Amino acid sequence: MKTKRKSVRFLYMLCVTGMLGWTVSCSSGSVPPKAQQAAESASAEASGSEGGAVEQRAKAAADSGKQGEVTIGAVLLDETDRYLTYLAQNMKREAQAEPGTSLEIKYSGEDAKLQAEQVEELLAAGVNAIVFIPLNAEQSVKLSKRIQDAGIPAIVLCRAYEGVEKATAYVGSDQPPSAESPPDAAGILEMSEIAKLLGGQGNIALIDGGQGEKRADDIKSVIARHPGLKLVHEGSASHDRYQALLLMSDWLKAGQPIDAVVATNDEMAIGAILAARLEGKEKNIRFAGVDGTMQALELMKMGSIDVTVFQNAAEQGKQAVKVALKAAKGLSFSKNTYVPYELVTANQTDQYIAKWKN
């Protein structure tokens, strides 16, 4: 098995040399209720004299925000993530467009402990509002409480989770896990289009990002509405291209026919495409993903990806700063700002590529 994995990895690296190594994080959809690093890391409930000093600085920051000067702190995830690069760029543009507004961005990766520490650093620095992307529901509830207890707004970005309503505001494309998915939810859009392309008949392989992902449940709900569709494989790849390649490689070797691979993000769809390409089976399978990344769109132009769902990084970043700024100044703002998903098919690729380039 180790020899097989090494061989696949080598072939994978050869394929990737012709493809930019772009990744995407916000594609993970709703945050699962439990994650490995629970909120022990959010021992963000400062106490004693140090905690009191932080509280005083936060209050002073809130007061200065109401007077016109506003500093917004943001804790994002992977600094090399292409999606988050665009999101951060547009947060910076929006902050620069607002007189008297500054933006400080930190990157925690997938490290929950570091994320909690960075929130504390921003509070100590006296920012007027904090925007953060959740890692898991338990920690995120505690972080938003910690931020608000310090007297400033907590804006949740990109990912919804159970309890997100306790934050000051939410900006993103996903609904909370307990909410009924609308017709334009990402999983419903991509699976409905695949069902249409297959004429309602075929074997489906589903690659999700991990346990409890609402987007995967939406995909399965669409499959269930089509008697001619059959879910023959389901597995998780942590939103990672290489893990998806290994998963798809195993499925192909198992011999069960696959008519379409539906992934909960573009990175995993691309991994599945690479695996199918290595086996010479790419042309016989439909592929779908979510995020509408530049590389996914380029692959769509080549005929390798059939469906993706655009998640507007630019608009999410822009709206997060707008909401944070209004909240910091004590102005009225929207509790929930939903940036709609957009279905993308082959005849629309140039239109969406242009959005990334602007």
Protein backbone atom coordinates (compact mmCIF):
# COMPACT_ATOMS: atom_id res chain seq x y z
CA MET A 1 0.00 0.00 0.00
CA LYS A 2 2.87 2.37 0.83
CA THR A 3 4.45 1.73 -2.58
CA LYS A 4 1.11 2.44 -4.27
CA ARG A 5 0.67 5.69 -2.33
CA LYS A 6 4.21 6.81 -3.22
CA SER A 7 3.56 6.07 -6.89
CA VAL A 8 0.28 7.99 -6.86
CA ARG A 9 1.94 10.89 -5.05
CA PHE A 10 4.72 11.01 -7.67
CA LEU A 11 2.25 11.00 -10.54
CA TYR A 12 0.20 13.61 -8.71
CA MET A 13 3.20 15.91 -8.44
CA LEU A 14 3.84 15.50 -12.17
CA CYS A 15 0.26 16.50 -12.93
CA VAL A 16 0.31 19.43 -10.56
CA THR A 17 3.36 20.93 -12.27
CA GLY A 18 0.94 21.89 -15.03
CA MET A 19 -1.63 23.27 -12.62
CA LEU A 20 -1.26 26.16 -10.22
CA GLY A 21 -1.41 25.00 -6.62
CA TRP A 22 -4.36 27.14 -5.62
CA THR A 23 -6.36 26.24 -2.57
CA VAL A 24 -9.55 27.42 -0.99
CA SER A 25 -10.78 27.42 2.58
CA CYS A 26 -14.10 29.17 2.87
CA SER A 27 -15.52 26.40 0.78
CA SER A 28 -15.94 24.28 3.83
CA GLY A 29 -19.46 25.57 4.30
CA SER A 30 -21.06 25.30 7.74
CA VAL A 31 -18.63 24.56 10.57
CA PRO A 32 -19.21 21.16 12.20
CA PRO A 33 -20.47 21.45 15.79
CA LYS A 34 -17.45 19.63 17.22
CA ALA A 35 -13.84 19.86 16.15
CA GLN A 36 -10.65 18.41 17.58
CA GLN A 37 -9.46 21.65 19.03
CA ALA A 38 -12.34 22.74 21.10
CA ALA A 39 -12.48 25.96 22.89
CA GLU A 40 -9.91 25.10 25.48
CA SER A 41 -7.86 27.33 23.20
CA ALA A 42 -10.26 30.17 23.70
CA SER A 43 -9.16 30.67 27.20
CA ALA A 44 -9.88 34.02 25.98
CA GLU A 45 -11.66 34.85 29.15
CA ALA A 46 -8.92 37.04 30.55
CA SER A 47 -8.88 37.54 34.28
CA GLY A 48 -7.07 39.55 36.90
CA SER A 49 -5.21 42.80 36.24
CA GLU A 50 -4.14 41.81 32.72
CA GLY A 51 -7.74 41.08 31.72
CA GLY A 52 -8.83 44.38 33.24
CA ALA A 53 -6.23 46.25 31.20
CA VAL A 54 -7.50 44.61 28.03
CA GLU A 55 -11.06 45.57 28.90
CA GLN A 56 -10.03 49.18 29.44
CA ARG A 57 -8.17 49.33 26.13
CA ALA A 58 -11.16 47.78 24.33
CA LYS A 59 -13.49 50.37 25.86
CA ALA A 60 -11.15 53.16 24.80
CA ALA A 61 -11.07 51.66 21.30
CA ALA A 62 -14.86 51.57 21.13
CA ASP A 63 -15.01 55.19 22.22
CA SER A 64 -12.49 56.24 19.58
CA GLY A 65 -14.49 54.35 16.94
CA LYS A 66 -17.54 56.41 17.75
CA GLN A 67 -15.43 59.53 17.35
CA GLY A 68 -14.41 58.63 13.79
CA GLU A 69 -11.08 56.78 13.90
CA VAL A 70 -11.67 53.05 13.47
CA THR A 71 -9.27 50.10 13.44
CA ILE A 72 -10.70 46.76 12.38
CA GLY A 73 -8.90 43.54 13.30
CA ALA A 74 -9.35 40.41 11.19
CA VAL A 75 -8.31 36.83 11.89
CA LEU A 76 -8.31 34.80 8.68
CA LEU A 77 -6.99 31.30 8.02
CA ASP A 78 -4.29 30.22 5.53
CA GLU A 79 -2.26 33.14 4.17
CA THR A 80 -1.41 31.15 1.01
CA ASP A 81 -5.04 30.25 0.31
CA ARG A 82 -6.00 31.79 -3.04
CA TYR A 83 -9.62 32.40 -2.07
CA LEU A 84 -8.60 34.15 1.14
CA THR A 85 -6.03 36.19 -0.77
CA TYR A 86 -8.83 37.76 -2.80
CA LEU A 87 -10.99 38.16 0.27
CA ALA A 88 -8.20 39.95 2.16
CA GLN A 89 -7.37 42.17 -0.81
CA ASN A 90 -10.94 43.40 -0.96
CA MET A 91 -11.13 43.93 2.79
CA LYS A 92 -8.06 46.17 2.44
CA ARG A 93 -9.57 48.05 -0.52
CA GLU A 94 -12.79 48.72 1.38
CA ALA A 95 -10.91 49.91 4.47
CA GLN A 96 -8.72 52.21 2.37
CA ALA A 97 -11.84 53.68 0.75
CA GLU A 98 -13.22 54.69 4.16
CA PRO A 99 -11.53 57.80 5.67
CA GLY A 100 -10.05 57.22 9.11
CA THR A 101 -10.28 53.43 8.83
CA SER A 102 -7.38 51.00 9.21
CA LEU A 103 -7.28 47.22 8.98
CA GLU A 104 -4.98 44.75 10.73
CA ILE A 105 -5.06 41.17 9.40
CA LYS A 106 -3.67 38.08 11.14
CA TYR A 107 -3.59 34.50 9.86
CA SER A 108 -4.12 31.55 12.19
CA GLY A 109 -4.19 28.69 9.69
CA GLU A 110 -6.23 25.81 11.13
CA ASP A 111 -4.71 26.36 14.59
CA ALA A 112 -7.52 27.07 17.06
CA LYS A 113 -5.13 27.97 19.88
CA LEU A 114 -3.34 30.50 17.70
CA GLN A 115 -6.65 31.97 16.55
CA ALA A 116 -7.71 32.61 20.16
CA GLU A 117 -4.30 34.15 20.94
CA GLN A 118 -4.58 36.46 17.93
CA VAL A 119 -7.99 37.66 19.07
CA GLU A 120 -6.42 38.53 22.42
CA GLU A 121 -3.58 40.38 20.66
CA LEU A 122 -6.08 42.46 18.69
CA LEU A 123 -8.05 43.28 21.82
CA ALA A 124 -4.86 44.34 23.58
CA ALA A 125 -3.96 46.52 20.58
CA GLY A 126 -7.25 48.40 21.01
CA VAL A 127 -9.05 47.58 17.75
CA ASN A 128 -12.65 48.75 17.41
CA ALA A 129 -14.11 45.58 15.88
CA ILE A 130 -12.92 42.05 15.09
CA VAL A 131 -13.80 39.98 12.03
CA PHE A 132 -12.94 36.28 12.16
CA ILE A 133 -13.46 33.09 10.15
CA PRO A 134 -14.62 30.25 12.42
CA LEU A 135 -12.65 27.05 12.89
CA ASN A 136 -15.23 25.17 14.96
CA ALA A 137 -18.57 26.01 16.52
CA GLU A 138 -17.63 25.62 20.18
CA GLN A 139 -14.61 27.90 20.00
CA SER A 140 -16.39 30.41 17.78
CA VAL A 141 -19.24 30.88 20.25
CA LYS A 142 -16.68 31.59 22.99
CA LEU A 143 -14.60 33.89 20.79
CA SER A 144 -17.57 36.02 19.76
CA LYS A 145 -18.60 36.29 23.43
CA ARG A 146 -15.07 37.23 24.45
CA ILE A 147 -14.93 39.97 21.83
CA GLN A 148 -18.33 41.38 22.73
CA ASP A 149 -17.60 41.21 26.46
CA ALA A 150 -14.60 43.44 25.70
CA GLY A 151 -17.06 46.02 24.40
CA ILE A 152 -16.54 45.74 20.63
CA PRO A 153 -18.41 44.02 17.76
CA ALA A 154 -17.63 40.43 16.71
CA ILE A 155 -18.24 39.84 12.99
CA VAL A 156 -18.26 36.23 11.78
CA LEU A 157 -17.11 35.78 8.18
CA CYS A 158 -17.59 33.05 5.53
CA ARG A 159 -18.69 30.10 7.66
CA ALA A 160 -21.95 29.72 9.53
CA TYR A 161 -22.19 27.48 12.59
CA GLU A 162 -24.71 26.55 15.27
CA GLY A 163 -24.77 29.58 17.57
CA VAL A 164 -23.61 32.15 15.01
CA GLU A 165 -26.62 34.28 15.89
CA LYS A 166 -24.91 35.17 19.17
CA ALA A 167 -22.22 37.10 17.30
CA THR A 168 -22.75 40.77 16.53
CA ALA A 169 -23.21 39.99 12.83
CA TYR A 170 -22.55 37.35 10.17
CA VAL A 171 -21.36 37.87 6.58
CA GLY A 172 -21.22 34.92 4.20
CA SER A 173 -22.98 32.70 1.70
CA ASP A 174 -23.99 29.81 3.98
CA GLN A 175 -26.98 29.51 6.26
CA PRO A 176 -26.56 28.18 9.84
CA PRO A 177 -26.75 24.34 10.06
CA SER A 178 -30.18 24.39 11.69
CA ALA A 179 -31.70 26.59 8.97
CA GLU A 180 -33.48 25.10 5.99
CA SER A 181 -31.27 25.30 2.91
CA PRO A 182 -32.60 27.69 0.25
CA PRO A 183 -32.76 26.63 -3.42
CA ASP A 184 -29.58 28.60 -4.12
CA ALA A 185 -27.49 26.77 -1.49
CA ALA A 186 -24.21 25.62 -3.03
CA GLY A 187 -24.78 21.88 -2.67
CA ILE A 188 -28.28 22.08 -4.10
CA LEU A 189 -27.13 24.17 -7.07
CA GLU A 190 -24.24 21.91 -8.07
CA MET A 191 -26.07 18.60 -7.60
CA SER A 192 -29.19 19.82 -9.39
CA GLU A 193 -27.09 20.79 -12.41
CA ILE A 194 -25.28 17.43 -12.41
CA ALA A 195 -28.64 15.64 -12.24
CA LYS A 196 -29.73 17.66 -15.26
CA LEU A 197 -26.55 16.85 -17.20
CA LEU A 198 -26.97 13.13 -16.46
CA GLY A 199 -30.64 13.14 -17.40
CA GLY A 200 -31.52 12.01 -13.89
CA GLN A 201 -29.66 8.69 -14.30
CA GLY A 202 -26.24 7.61 -13.02
CA ASN A 203 -23.86 6.67 -10.22
CA ILE A 204 -22.68 9.51 -8.00
CA ALA A 205 -19.51 9.75 -5.91
CA LEU A 206 -19.60 12.40 -3.18
CA ILE A 207 -16.45 13.95 -1.70
CA ASP A 208 -17.10 16.11 1.35
CA GLY A 209 -14.88 18.11 3.67
CA GLY A 210 -15.64 16.31 6.91
CA GLN A 211 -18.28 15.15 9.34
CA GLY A 212 -21.37 17.28 9.71
CA GLU A 213 -20.93 19.35 6.55
CA LYS A 214 -24.31 20.78 5.60
CA ARG A 215 -23.35 21.15 1.95
CA ALA A 216 -22.93 17.36 1.68
CA ASP A 217 -26.38 16.85 3.19
CA ASP A 218 -27.83 19.21 0.58
CA ILE A 219 -26.18 17.20 -2.20
CA LYS A 220 -27.67 13.97 -0.85
CA SER A 221 -31.12 15.56 -0.57
CA VAL A 222 -31.06 16.29 -4.32
CA ILE A 223 -29.88 12.74 -5.11
CA ALA A 224 -32.78 11.39 -3.05
CA ARG A 225 -35.26 13.31 -5.23
CA HIS A 226 -34.06 11.51 -8.37
CA PRO A 227 -34.87 7.76 -8.39
CA GLY A 228 -32.42 7.20 -11.25
CA LEU A 229 -29.44 8.56 -9.31
CA LYS A 230 -27.48 6.31 -6.97
CA LEU A 231 -24.89 7.35 -4.39
CA VAL A 232 -22.23 4.65 -4.84
CA HIS A 233 -19.31 6.28 -2.98
CA GLU A 234 -19.03 8.82 -0.21
CA GLY A 235 -15.86 9.94 1.55
CA SER A 236 -14.13 12.90 3.16
CA ALA A 237 -10.96 14.64 1.99
CA SER A 238 -10.74 17.64 4.36
CA HIS A 239 -11.16 20.08 1.46
CA ASP A 240 -7.71 19.00 0.25
CA ARG A 241 -6.74 18.24 -3.36
CA TYR A 242 -4.24 15.47 -2.63
CA GLN A 243 -6.51 13.66 -0.18
CA ALA A 244 -9.28 13.75 -2.78
CA LEU A 245 -6.90 12.31 -5.38
CA LEU A 246 -6.09 9.35 -3.12
CA LEU A 247 -9.77 8.79 -2.32
CA MET A 248 -10.79 8.90 -5.97
CA SER A 249 -7.90 6.63 -6.93
CA ASP A 250 -9.16 3.97 -4.51
CA TRP A 251 -12.71 4.28 -5.82
CA LEU A 252 -11.63 3.88 -9.43
CA LYS A 253 -9.61 0.78 -8.61
CA ALA A 254 -12.63 -0.71 -6.83
CA GLY A 255 -14.29 -1.05 -10.23
CA GLN A 256 -17.71 0.45 -9.45
CA PRO A 257 -18.75 2.67 -12.39
CA ILE A 258 -18.88 6.39 -11.57
CA ASP A 259 -20.82 8.81 -13.77
CA ALA A 260 -20.24 11.97 -11.73
CA VAL A 261 -18.09 13.19 -8.85
CA VAL A 262 -19.70 15.92 -6.78
CA ALA A 263 -17.31 17.62 -4.33
CA THR A 264 -18.07 20.23 -1.72
CA ASN A 265 -15.24 22.43 -2.96
CA ASP A 266 -13.23 22.91 -6.15
CA GLU A 267 -9.96 21.68 -4.65
CA MET A 268 -11.39 18.22 -4.01
CA ALA A 269 -13.02 18.17 -7.46
CA ILE A 270 -9.61 18.94 -8.98
CA GLY A 271 -8.02 16.13 -6.98
CA ALA A 272 -10.64 13.72 -8.30
CA ILE A 273 -9.99 14.91 -11.87
CA LEU A 274 -6.26 14.26 -11.47
CA ALA A 275 -6.94 10.73 -10.19
CA ALA A 276 -9.28 10.02 -13.12
CA ARG A 277 -6.72 11.45 -15.53
CA LEU A 278 -4.01 9.14 -14.17
CA GLU A 279 -6.34 6.19 -14.76
CA GLY A 280 -7.39 7.38 -18.22
CA LYS A 281 -11.03 7.74 -17.14
CA GLU A 282 -11.44 11.52 -16.97
CA LYS A 283 -13.49 11.82 -20.17
CA ASN A 284 -16.18 9.43 -18.93
CA ILE A 285 -17.02 11.26 -15.70
CA ARG A 286 -18.74 14.54 -14.87
CA PHE A 287 -17.13 16.70 -12.15
CA ALA A 288 -18.62 19.40 -9.93
CA GLY A 289 -17.23 21.62 -7.18
CA VAL A 290 -17.90 24.80 -5.23
CA ASP A 291 -16.15 28.19 -5.06
CA GLY A 292 -15.61 29.06 -8.72
CA THR A 293 -11.85 29.48 -8.19
CA MET A 294 -9.74 30.70 -11.09
CA GLN A 295 -8.19 27.29 -11.66
CA ALA A 296 -11.56 25.56 -11.59
CA LEU A 297 -12.81 28.03 -14.19
CA GLU A 298 -9.76 27.42 -16.37
CA LEU A 299 -10.36 23.67 -16.12
CA MET A 300 -13.98 24.27 -17.05
CA LYS A 301 -12.82 26.03 -20.22
CA MET A 302 -10.77 22.92 -21.00
CA GLY A 303 -13.82 20.71 -20.49
CA SER A 304 -12.52 19.02 -17.31
CA ILE A 305 -15.00 20.50 -14.81
CA ASP A 306 -18.67 20.60 -15.73
CA VAL A 307 -20.12 22.59 -12.83
CA THR A 308 -18.90 24.93 -10.12
CA VAL A 309 -20.64 27.38 -7.81
CA PHE A 310 -19.12 30.82 -7.44
CA GLN A 311 -18.59 32.10 -3.92
CA ASN A 312 -17.88 35.81 -4.12
CA ALA A 313 -14.72 36.46 -2.09
CA ALA A 314 -14.56 40.10 -3.11
CA GLU A 315 -18.09 40.88 -1.96
CA GLN A 316 -17.73 38.94 1.28
CA GLY A 317 -14.56 40.85 2.16
CA LYS A 318 -16.12 44.18 1.24
CA GLN A 319 -19.32 43.56 3.23
CA ALA A 320 -17.42 42.33 6.29
CA VAL A 321 -15.56 45.64 6.54
CA LYS A 322 -18.72 47.66 5.90
CA VAL A 323 -20.63 45.86 8.65
CA ALA A 324 -17.70 46.02 11.11
CA LEU A 325 -17.28 49.73 10.48
CA LYS A 326 -20.96 50.53 11.03
CA ALA A 327 -21.10 48.40 14.17
CA ALA A 328 -17.96 50.05 15.57
CA LYS A 329 -19.44 53.50 14.99
CA GLY A 330 -22.74 52.63 16.59
CA LEU A 331 -24.63 52.93 13.28
CA SER A 332 -27.38 50.58 12.12
CA PHE A 333 -26.21 47.45 10.27
CA SER A 334 -27.57 44.14 9.02
CA LYS A 335 -27.38 41.28 11.49
CA ASN A 336 -27.02 38.81 8.59
CA THR A 337 -25.50 39.73 5.23
CA TYR A 338 -25.86 36.90 2.75
CA VAL A 339 -23.74 37.01 -0.40
CA PRO A 340 -25.58 34.70 -2.84
CA TYR A 341 -23.98 31.68 -4.45
CA GLU A 342 -23.97 31.67 -8.26
CA LEU A 343 -24.14 28.57 -10.46
CA VAL A 344 -21.43 28.55 -13.14
CA THR A 345 -21.56 26.43 -16.28
CA ALA A 346 -19.22 26.16 -19.28
CA ASN A 347 -20.70 29.04 -21.27
CA GLN A 348 -20.07 31.47 -18.37
CA THR A 349 -16.40 30.85 -17.66
CA ASP A 350 -15.02 34.07 -19.17
CA GLN A 351 -17.58 36.12 -17.25
CA TYR A 352 -16.45 34.65 -13.92
CA ILE A 353 -12.75 34.66 -14.73
CA ALA A 354 -13.13 38.42 -15.24
CA LYS A 355 -14.53 38.73 -11.70
CA TRP A 356 -11.34 37.24 -10.25
CA LYS A 357 -9.15 39.54 -12.34
CA ASN A 358 -10.92 42.74 -11.34
